[in-house]
Amino acid sequence: MNVERTEVVDARAAKHAALSDPTRLQMIDLLTLGDLSPTEIRVALGTPGNLLTHHLNVLESVGMITRTTSEGDKRRSYVHLTPGGFDGLMPGAAGAASRVVFVCSANSARSQLAAALWARQSTIPVASGGTHPAEQIAPGAIAAAARHQLALPSSAPSALDAVLGDGDFVITVCDNAHEEIGVTGDLHWSIPDPVRVGTDAAFDAAYTELERRIADLAPRLLAS
């Protein structure tokens, strides 16, 4: 997937650069709890006044803090976190898709679990397929799904060629499949094959990793 450099990316980079200094990060931590005067920040962190001014200017320049004059002592100011100051720190939308297709070699474990997990997280339609489909879903995958109260489809594994359509957002969850189909895929998740190991722990590990990645991606993939 191509990620173009934009003004939004530059703004994100500037915020991350501002937070890369330990003192500025501590300042932000304090300000998540309440508003402070520069003197209060200086005392709390033991930062020299001239250096504190520099840090405040950096954070203000990237839109993370604002300063207002006290309604009491007009010589005093207070530092506030800017509403939305944390916006843009995390990656934004990953793209758009009319359907997501998960792919592994056999379509018997990882891609089946991934498709079922996706259906639980997103309204974008989902399917799965294999470059060399097995005759049946792996018993270990069925057992893992049952342990996690996840409903797997009852149909047999499908060949990728029979499933894939124009415009599908393809995610390979198997190194072999990724290396076989190459640029056909949009994303690749290198998930170890639990079938090779065959233990409950291996299937649970694959399930947990797929669940984590899908939870991260699903809110960022827009329906088209």
C-alpha atoms as a PDB file:
ATOM      1  CA  MET A   1       0.000   0.000   0.000  1.00  0.00           C
ATOM      2  CA  ASN A   2       1.373   3.433  -0.933  1.00  0.00           C
ATOM      3  CA  VAL A   3       1.371   6.137   1.739  1.00  0.00           C
ATOM      4  CA  GLU A   4       1.916   9.562   0.231  1.00  0.00           C
ATOM      5  CA  ARG A   5       3.616  12.320   2.200  1.00  0.00           C
ATOM      6  CA  THR A   6       1.095  15.079   2.864  1.00  0.00           C
ATOM      7  CA  GLU A   7       0.700  18.118   5.079  1.00  0.00           C
ATOM      8  CA  VAL A   8      -1.134  15.887   7.545  1.00  0.00           C
ATOM      9  CA  VAL A   9       1.863  13.531   7.732  1.00  0.00           C
ATOM     10  CA  ASP A  10       4.210  16.487   8.189  1.00  0.00           C
ATOM     11  CA  ALA A  11       2.037  17.804  11.034  1.00  0.00           C
ATOM     12  CA  ARG A  12       2.074  14.376  12.678  1.00  0.00           C
ATOM     13  CA  ALA A  13       5.847  14.245  12.382  1.00  0.00           C
ATOM     14  CA  ALA A  14       6.162  17.679  13.991  1.00  0.00           C
ATOM     15  CA  LYS A  15       4.079  16.585  16.973  1.00  0.00           C
ATOM     16  CA  HIS A  16       6.081  13.400  17.385  1.00  0.00           C
ATOM     17  CA  ALA A  17       9.290  15.429  17.191  1.00  0.00           C
ATOM     18  CA  ALA A  18       7.996  17.781  19.877  1.00  0.00           C
ATOM     19  CA  LEU A  19       7.190  14.840  22.135  1.00  0.00           C
ATOM     20  CA  SER A  20      10.541  13.159  21.557  1.00  0.00           C
ATOM     21  CA  ASP A  21      12.094  15.309  24.279  1.00  0.00           C
ATOM     22  CA  PRO A  22      11.629  13.718  27.749  1.00  0.00           C
ATOM     23  CA  THR A  23      10.959  17.054  29.470  1.00  0.00           C
ATOM     24  CA  ARG A  24       8.249  18.033  26.986  1.00  0.00           C
ATOM     25  CA  LEU A  25       6.670  14.601  27.330  1.00  0.00           C
ATOM     26  CA  GLN A  26       6.620  15.043  31.130  1.00  0.00           C
ATOM     27  CA  MET A  27       5.011  18.452  30.655  1.00  0.00           C
ATOM     28  CA  ILE A  28       2.262  16.946  28.544  1.00  0.00           C
ATOM     29  CA  ASP A  29       1.737  14.221  31.156  1.00  0.00           C
ATOM     30  CA  LEU A  30       1.242  16.876  33.830  1.00  0.00           C
ATOM     31  CA  LEU A  31      -1.146  18.864  31.665  1.00  0.00           C
ATOM     32  CA  THR A  32      -3.377  15.851  31.083  1.00  0.00           C
ATOM     33  CA  LEU A  33      -4.248  16.160  34.775  1.00  0.00           C
ATOM     34  CA  GLY A  34      -4.851  19.912  34.990  1.00  0.00           C
ATOM     35  CA  ASP A  35      -3.789  23.404  33.959  1.00  0.00           C
ATOM     36  CA  LEU A  36      -0.521  24.772  35.354  1.00  0.00           C
ATOM     37  CA  SER A  37       1.362  28.021  35.336  1.00  0.00           C
ATOM     38  CA  PRO A  38       4.846  27.987  33.821  1.00  0.00           C
ATOM     39  CA  THR A  39       6.270  28.461  37.327  1.00  0.00           C
ATOM     40  CA  GLU A  40       4.360  25.429  38.589  1.00  0.00           C
ATOM     41  CA  ILE A  41       5.678  23.358  35.694  1.00  0.00           C
ATOM     42  CA  ARG A  42       9.221  24.559  36.336  1.00  0.00           C
ATOM     43  CA  VAL A  43       9.032  23.630  40.015  1.00  0.00           C
ATOM     44  CA  ALA A  44       7.440  20.243  39.297  1.00  0.00           C
ATOM     45  CA  LEU A  45      10.090  19.272  36.754  1.00  0.00           C
ATOM     46  CA  GLY A  46      13.096  21.206  38.063  1.00  0.00           C
ATOM     47  CA  THR A  47      13.597  22.809  34.649  1.00  0.00           C
ATOM     48  CA  PRO A  48      15.471  26.146  34.310  1.00  0.00           C
ATOM     49  CA  GLY A  49      13.225  29.048  33.331  1.00  0.00           C
ATOM     50  CA  ASN A  50      14.870  29.797  29.983  1.00  0.00           C
ATOM     51  CA  LEU A  51      14.723  26.150  28.945  1.00  0.00           C
ATOM     52  CA  LEU A  52      11.099  25.882  30.077  1.00  0.00           C
ATOM     53  CA  THR A  53      10.199  28.808  27.820  1.00  0.00           C
ATOM     54  CA  HIS A  54      11.796  27.001  24.875  1.00  0.00           C
ATOM     55  CA  HIS A  55       9.826  23.808  25.607  1.00  0.00           C
ATOM     56  CA  LEU A  56       6.559  25.723  25.912  1.00  0.00           C
ATOM     57  CA  ASN A  57       7.196  27.464  22.603  1.00  0.00           C
ATOM     58  CA  VAL A  58       7.870  24.155  20.861  1.00  0.00           C
ATOM     59  CA  LEU A  59       4.676  22.572  22.168  1.00  0.00           C
ATOM     60  CA  GLU A  60       2.663  25.657  21.294  1.00  0.00           C
ATOM     61  CA  SER A  61       4.093  25.774  17.764  1.00  0.00           C
ATOM     62  CA  VAL A  62       2.709  22.304  16.988  1.00  0.00           C
ATOM     63  CA  GLY A  63      -0.693  23.101  18.449  1.00  0.00           C
ATOM     64  CA  MET A  64      -0.505  20.932  21.556  1.00  0.00           C
ATOM     65  CA  ILE A  65      -0.804  23.664  24.210  1.00  0.00           C
ATOM     66  CA  THR A  66      -2.286  27.130  24.636  1.00  0.00           C
ATOM     67  CA  ARG A  67      -1.579  29.807  27.229  1.00  0.00           C
ATOM     68  CA  THR A  68      -4.148  32.124  28.798  1.00  0.00           C
ATOM     69  CA  THR A  69      -3.883  35.016  31.237  1.00  0.00           C
ATOM     70  CA  SER A  70      -5.071  34.391  34.788  1.00  0.00           C
ATOM     71  CA  GLU A  71      -8.374  36.028  35.701  1.00  0.00           C
ATOM     72  CA  GLY A  72      -6.834  36.695  39.116  1.00  0.00           C
ATOM     73  CA  ASP A  73      -3.233  37.863  38.885  1.00  0.00           C
ATOM     74  CA  LYS A  74      -2.956  39.321  35.386  1.00  0.00           C
ATOM     75  CA  ARG A  75       0.823  38.841  35.481  1.00  0.00           C
ATOM     76  CA  ARG A  76       0.273  35.094  35.686  1.00  0.00           C
ATOM     77  CA  SER A  77      -0.614  32.695  32.844  1.00  0.00           C
ATOM     78  CA  TYR A  78      -1.846  29.141  32.689  1.00  0.00           C
ATOM     79  CA  VAL A  79      -0.882  26.436  30.240  1.00  0.00           C
ATOM     80  CA  HIS A  80      -3.624  24.189  28.861  1.00  0.00           C
ATOM     81  CA  LEU A  81      -3.662  21.185  26.589  1.00  0.00           C
ATOM     82  CA  THR A  82      -5.250  22.232  23.313  1.00  0.00           C
ATOM     83  CA  PRO A  83      -8.559  20.468  22.573  1.00  0.00           C
ATOM     84  CA  GLY A  84      -7.646  17.951  19.897  1.00  0.00           C
ATOM     85  CA  GLY A  85      -3.963  18.415  20.632  1.00  0.00           C
ATOM     86  CA  PHE A  86      -3.395  14.681  20.364  1.00  0.00           C
ATOM     87  CA  ASP A  87      -5.225  14.458  17.034  1.00  0.00           C
ATOM     88  CA  GLY A  88      -3.073  13.049  14.274  1.00  0.00           C
ATOM     89  CA  LEU A  89      -0.544  11.321  16.499  1.00  0.00           C
ATOM     90  CA  MET A  90      -1.877   7.926  15.497  1.00  0.00           C
ATOM     91  CA  PRO A  91      -2.112   6.788  11.860  1.00  0.00           C
ATOM     92  CA  GLY A  92      -5.255   7.769  10.019  1.00  0.00           C
ATOM     93  CA  ALA A  93      -7.366   5.914   7.489  1.00  0.00           C
ATOM     94  CA  ALA A  94      -5.648   2.970   5.819  1.00  0.00           C
ATOM     95  CA  GLY A  95      -7.788   3.115   2.699  1.00  0.00           C
ATOM     96  CA  ALA A  96     -11.207   2.013   1.532  1.00  0.00           C
ATOM     97  CA  ALA A  97     -12.611  -1.365   0.554  1.00  0.00           C
ATOM     98  CA  SER A  98     -15.848  -2.860  -0.668  1.00  0.00           C
ATOM     99  CA  ARG A  99     -14.753  -6.278   0.590  1.00  0.00           C
ATOM    100  CA  VAL A 100     -11.804  -7.717   2.509  1.00  0.00           C
ATOM    101  CA  VAL A 101     -10.334 -11.073   1.510  1.00  0.00           C
ATOM    102  CA  PHE A 102      -7.972 -12.940   3.814  1.00  0.00           C
ATOM    103  CA  VAL A 103      -5.577 -15.374   2.162  1.00  0.00           C
ATOM    104  CA  CYS A 104      -3.370 -18.222   3.327  1.00  0.00           C
ATOM    105  CA  SER A 105      -2.103 -21.283   1.503  1.00  0.00           C
ATOM    106  CA  ALA A 106      -4.651 -23.863   2.632  1.00  0.00           C
ATOM    107  CA  ASN A 107      -7.524 -21.588   3.705  1.00  0.00           C
ATOM    108  CA  SER A 108      -7.922 -24.010   6.588  1.00  0.00           C
ATOM    109  CA  ALA A 109      -6.899 -22.008   9.669  1.00  0.00           C
ATOM    110  CA  ARG A 110      -5.459 -18.480   9.686  1.00  0.00           C
ATOM    111  CA  SER A 111      -7.531 -17.003   6.865  1.00  0.00           C
ATOM    112  CA  GLN A 112     -10.689 -18.677   8.183  1.00  0.00           C
ATOM    113  CA  LEU A 113     -10.129 -17.311  11.684  1.00  0.00           C
ATOM    114  CA  ALA A 114      -9.271 -13.892  10.279  1.00  0.00           C
ATOM    115  CA  ALA A 115     -12.443 -13.705   8.186  1.00  0.00           C
ATOM    116  CA  ALA A 116     -14.607 -14.663  11.147  1.00  0.00           C
ATOM    117  CA  LEU A 117     -12.860 -12.136  13.385  1.00  0.00           C
ATOM    118  CA  TRP A 118     -13.264  -9.430  10.754  1.00  0.00           C
ATOM    119  CA  ALA A 119     -16.996 -10.093  10.495  1.00  0.00           C
ATOM    120  CA  ARG A 120     -17.221  -9.509  14.233  1.00  0.00           C
ATOM    121  CA  GLN A 121     -15.327  -6.191  14.051  1.00  0.00           C
ATOM    122  CA  SER A 122     -16.454  -4.561  10.806  1.00  0.00           C
ATOM    123  CA  THR A 123     -19.484  -4.144   8.572  1.00  0.00           C
ATOM    124  CA  ILE A 124     -17.296  -4.346   5.453  1.00  0.00           C
ATOM    125  CA  PRO A 125     -18.004  -7.729   3.801  1.00  0.00           C
ATOM    126  CA  VAL A 126     -15.313 -10.366   4.121  1.00  0.00           C
ATOM    127  CA  ALA A 127     -14.247 -13.618   2.464  1.00  0.00           C
ATOM    128  CA  SER A 128     -11.251 -15.920   2.557  1.00  0.00           C
ATOM    129  CA  GLY A 129      -9.406 -18.143   0.139  1.00  0.00           C
ATOM    130  CA  GLY A 130      -6.334 -20.286  -0.291  1.00  0.00           C
ATOM    131  CA  THR A 131      -3.680 -20.547  -2.956  1.00  0.00           C
ATOM    132  CA  HIS A 132      -3.714 -24.333  -2.404  1.00  0.00           C
ATOM    133  CA  PRO A 133      -6.925 -25.025  -0.478  1.00  0.00           C
ATOM    134  CA  ALA A 134      -7.154 -27.996   1.866  1.00  0.00           C
ATOM    135  CA  GLU A 135     -10.055 -30.404   1.878  1.00  0.00           C
ATOM    136  CA  GLN A 136     -11.399 -29.184   5.208  1.00  0.00           C
ATOM    137  CA  ILE A 137     -10.974 -26.555   7.884  1.00  0.00           C
ATOM    138  CA  ALA A 138      -8.295 -27.640  10.342  1.00  0.00           C
ATOM    139  CA  PRO A 139      -9.766 -29.221  13.487  1.00  0.00           C
ATOM    140  CA  GLY A 140      -7.387 -27.105  15.550  1.00  0.00           C
ATOM    141  CA  ALA A 141      -8.857 -23.923  14.059  1.00  0.00           C
ATOM    142  CA  ILE A 142     -12.388 -25.127  14.785  1.00  0.00           C
ATOM    143  CA  ALA A 143     -11.409 -25.906  18.369  1.00  0.00           C
ATOM    144  CA  ALA A 144      -9.700 -22.530  18.815  1.00  0.00           C
ATOM    145  CA  ALA A 145     -12.754 -20.720  17.470  1.00  0.00           C
ATOM    146  CA  ALA A 146     -14.948 -22.631  19.908  1.00  0.00           C
ATOM    147  CA  ARG A 147     -12.679 -21.715  22.829  1.00  0.00           C
ATOM    148  CA  HIS A 148     -13.069 -18.046  21.902  1.00  0.00           C
ATOM    149  CA  GLN A 149     -16.807 -18.202  21.067  1.00  0.00           C
ATOM    150  CA  LEU A 150     -16.133 -17.417  17.427  1.00  0.00           C
ATOM    151  CA  ALA A 151     -18.374 -18.814  14.715  1.00  0.00           C
ATOM    152  CA  LEU A 152     -16.525 -20.269  11.734  1.00  0.00           C
ATOM    153  CA  PRO A 153     -18.247 -20.966   8.400  1.00  0.00           C
ATOM    154  CA  SER A 154     -19.271 -24.541   7.802  1.00  0.00           C
ATOM    155  CA  SER A 155     -18.177 -24.562   4.143  1.00  0.00           C
ATOM    156  CA  ALA A 156     -14.969 -26.204   2.952  1.00  0.00           C
ATOM    157  CA  PRO A 157     -11.865 -24.129   2.108  1.00  0.00           C
ATOM    158  CA  SER A 158     -12.056 -22.223  -1.171  1.00  0.00           C
ATOM    159  CA  ALA A 159      -9.550 -21.564  -3.915  1.00  0.00           C
ATOM    160  CA  LEU A 160      -8.467 -17.934  -4.039  1.00  0.00           C
ATOM    161  CA  ASP A 161      -9.130 -17.712  -7.785  1.00  0.00           C
ATOM    162  CA  ALA A 162     -12.758 -18.645  -7.177  1.00  0.00           C
ATOM    163  CA  VAL A 163     -13.180 -16.030  -4.441  1.00  0.00           C
ATOM    164  CA  LEU A 164     -11.190 -13.006  -5.541  1.00  0.00           C
ATOM    165  CA  GLY A 165     -13.017 -10.174  -7.263  1.00  0.00           C
ATOM    166  CA  ASP A 166     -12.105  -6.791  -8.695  1.00  0.00           C
ATOM    167  CA  GLY A 167     -11.521  -4.201  -6.011  1.00  0.00           C
ATOM    168  CA  ASP A 168     -11.077  -6.642  -3.139  1.00  0.00           C
ATOM    169  CA  PHE A 169      -8.757  -5.532  -0.348  1.00  0.00           C
ATOM    170  CA  VAL A 170      -6.445  -8.538  -0.016  1.00  0.00           C
ATOM    171  CA  ILE A 171      -4.656  -9.375   3.224  1.00  0.00           C
ATOM    172  CA  THR A 172      -2.293 -12.336   3.214  1.00  0.00           C
ATOM    173  CA  VAL A 173      -1.845 -13.977   6.608  1.00  0.00           C
ATOM    174  CA  CYS A 174       0.643 -16.580   5.400  1.00  0.00           C
ATOM    175  CA  ASP A 175       4.197 -15.974   4.192  1.00  0.00           C
ATOM    176  CA  ASN A 176       3.938 -18.622   1.476  1.00  0.00           C
ATOM    177  CA  ALA A 177       0.747 -17.115   0.070  1.00  0.00           C
ATOM    178  CA  HIS A 178       2.176 -13.612   0.196  1.00  0.00           C
ATOM    179  CA  GLU A 179       5.298 -14.628  -1.679  1.00  0.00           C
ATOM    180  CA  GLU A 180       3.216 -16.533  -4.202  1.00  0.00           C
ATOM    181  CA  ILE A 181       0.697 -13.837  -5.104  1.00  0.00           C
ATOM    182  CA  GLY A 182       3.081 -10.889  -4.731  1.00  0.00           C
ATOM    183  CA  VAL A 183       1.655  -7.488  -5.577  1.00  0.00           C
ATOM    184  CA  THR A 184      -1.907  -8.840  -5.706  1.00  0.00           C
ATOM    185  CA  GLY A 185      -2.059  -8.340  -1.949  1.00  0.00           C
ATOM    186  CA  ASP A 186      -2.681  -5.001  -0.256  1.00  0.00           C
ATOM    187  CA  LEU A 187      -1.329  -5.966   3.176  1.00  0.00           C
ATOM    188  CA  HIS A 188       0.682  -8.856   4.581  1.00  0.00           C
ATOM    189  CA  TRP A 189       0.585 -10.158   8.154  1.00  0.00           C
ATOM    190  CA  SER A 190       3.314 -12.696   8.857  1.00  0.00           C
ATOM    191  CA  ILE A 191       1.428 -15.103  11.137  1.00  0.00           C
ATOM    192  CA  PRO A 192       3.127 -18.436  11.956  1.00  0.00           C
ATOM    193  CA  ASP A 193       1.225 -21.489  10.712  1.00  0.00           C
ATOM    194  CA  PRO A 194      -0.482 -23.158  13.711  1.00  0.00           C
ATOM    195  CA  VAL A 195      -1.261 -26.277  11.675  1.00  0.00           C
ATOM    196  CA  ARG A 196       2.439 -27.128  11.450  1.00  0.00           C
ATOM    197  CA  VAL A 197       2.746 -27.120  15.242  1.00  0.00           C
ATOM    198  CA  GLY A 198      -0.692 -28.544  15.907  1.00  0.00           C
ATOM    199  CA  THR A 199      -1.026 -27.508  19.566  1.00  0.00           C
ATOM    200  CA  ASP A 200      -3.835 -25.539  21.182  1.00  0.00           C
ATOM    201  CA  ALA A 201      -1.263 -22.937  22.179  1.00  0.00           C
ATOM    202  CA  ALA A 202      -0.192 -22.443  18.548  1.00  0.00           C
ATOM    203  CA  PHE A 203      -3.769 -21.950  17.367  1.00  0.00           C
ATOM    204  CA  ASP A 204      -4.526 -19.620  20.277  1.00  0.00           C
ATOM    205  CA  ALA A 205      -1.404 -17.584  19.477  1.00  0.00           C
ATOM    206  CA  ALA A 206      -2.511 -17.196  15.852  1.00  0.00           C
ATOM    207  CA  TYR A 207      -6.005 -16.251  17.008  1.00  0.00           C
ATOM    208  CA  THR A 208      -4.680 -13.626  19.434  1.00  0.00           C
ATOM    209  CA  GLU A 209      -2.369 -12.037  16.864  1.00  0.00           C
ATOM    210  CA  LEU A 210      -5.097 -11.919  14.220  1.00  0.00           C
ATOM    211  CA  GLU A 211      -7.545 -10.438  16.710  1.00  0.00           C
ATOM    212  CA  ARG A 212      -5.043  -7.711  17.666  1.00  0.00           C
ATOM    213  CA  ARG A 213      -4.255  -6.768  14.075  1.00  0.00           C
ATOM    214  CA  ILE A 214      -7.881  -6.754  12.998  1.00  0.00           C
ATOM    215  CA  ALA A 215      -8.885  -4.601  15.960  1.00  0.00           C
ATOM    216  CA  ASP A 216      -6.219  -2.095  14.840  1.00  0.00           C
ATOM    217  CA  LEU A 217      -7.128  -2.132  11.149  1.00  0.00           C
ATOM    218  CA  ALA A 218     -10.923  -2.350  11.164  1.00  0.00           C
ATOM    219  CA  PRO A 219     -11.561   1.221  12.407  1.00  0.00           C
ATOM    220  CA  ARG A 220      -9.076   2.573   9.838  1.00  0.00           C
ATOM    221  CA  LEU A 221     -10.466   0.831   6.758  1.00  0.00           C
ATOM    222  CA  LEU A 222     -13.391   2.727   5.264  1.00  0.00           C
ATOM    223  CA  ALA A 223     -16.250   1.150   3.344  1.00  0.00           C
ATOM    224  CA  SER A 224     -16.365   1.994  -0.338  1.00  0.00           C
END
